[in-house]
Amino acid sequence: MTNTPEQSCDLCGLPVPKDGLNLKTPERDLAFCCEGCRGIWQMLNPGTAQVSDEKGKSK
């Protein structure tokens, strides 16, 4: 998933940098501005997402 300039973080709402972090969920792909936001989202939603790198490949 390539992040677009107008995309906002799915946790805090800040802009997501071009090399931002992504998660795939059964419902949709999520984008985050930083590791902190992605980590908090994962703690609040355990077992629902798969970590992806900036190219969208699963880790």
Protein backbone atom coordinates (compact mmCIF):
# COMPACT_ATOMS: atom_id res chain seq x y z
CA MET A 1 0.00 0.00 0.00
CA THR A 2 1.44 3.36 -0.99
CA ASN A 3 0.41 6.21 1.23
CA THR A 4 -0.99 9.30 -0.45
CA PRO A 5 -0.13 12.84 0.72
CA GLU A 6 -3.67 13.52 1.97
CA GLN A 7 -3.90 10.28 3.96
CA SER A 8 -4.23 10.64 7.73
CA CYS A 9 -3.21 8.32 10.54
CA ASP A 10 -5.94 5.86 11.53
CA LEU A 11 -5.18 6.47 15.22
CA CYS A 12 -4.27 10.14 15.75
CA GLY A 13 -5.29 11.79 12.48
CA LEU A 14 -1.88 13.32 11.67
CA PRO A 15 -0.65 13.12 8.07
CA VAL A 16 0.93 9.78 7.12
CA PRO A 17 4.39 10.16 5.56
CA LYS A 18 5.05 8.50 2.21
CA ASP A 19 6.99 5.73 3.99
CA GLY A 20 4.40 5.39 6.78
CA LEU A 21 3.44 2.16 8.49
CA ASN A 22 0.54 -0.07 7.46
CA LEU A 23 -1.59 -2.87 8.87
CA LYS A 24 -3.93 -5.18 7.02
CA THR A 25 -7.17 -6.08 8.77
CA PRO A 26 -10.03 -8.23 7.52
CA GLU A 27 -12.07 -5.05 7.01
CA ARG A 28 -9.48 -2.73 5.38
CA ASP A 29 -5.88 -1.56 5.22
CA LEU A 30 -4.85 0.91 7.93
CA ALA A 31 -2.11 3.57 7.75
CA PHE A 32 -0.17 5.08 10.66
CA CYS A 33 2.17 8.06 10.97
CA CYS A 34 4.58 6.33 13.38
CA GLU A 35 5.46 3.12 15.27
CA GLY A 36 3.79 4.51 18.40
CA CYS A 37 0.38 4.88 16.76
CA ARG A 38 0.61 1.47 15.10
CA GLY A 39 1.67 -0.14 18.40
CA ILE A 40 -1.14 1.46 20.38
CA TRP A 41 -3.70 0.41 17.74
CA GLN A 42 -2.38 -3.18 17.95
CA MET A 43 -2.59 -3.16 21.77
CA LEU A 44 -6.19 -1.94 21.61
CA ASN A 45 -7.12 -4.46 18.89
CA PRO A 46 -5.14 -7.64 19.62
CA GLY A 47 -5.14 -10.38 17.00
CA THR A 48 -6.99 -8.40 14.32
CA ALA A 49 -4.19 -7.18 12.07
CA GLN A 50 -1.12 -8.35 10.19
CA VAL A 51 1.96 -6.08 10.14
CA SER A 52 3.10 -4.92 6.67
CA ASP A 53 6.10 -2.94 5.58
CA GLU A 54 5.82 0.19 3.44
CA LYS A 55 5.64 -1.94 0.27
CA GLY A 56 2.62 -3.80 1.60
CA LYS A 57 4.43 -7.12 2.09
CA SER A 58 3.55 -9.09 5.21
CA LYS A 59 6.27 -9.53 7.81
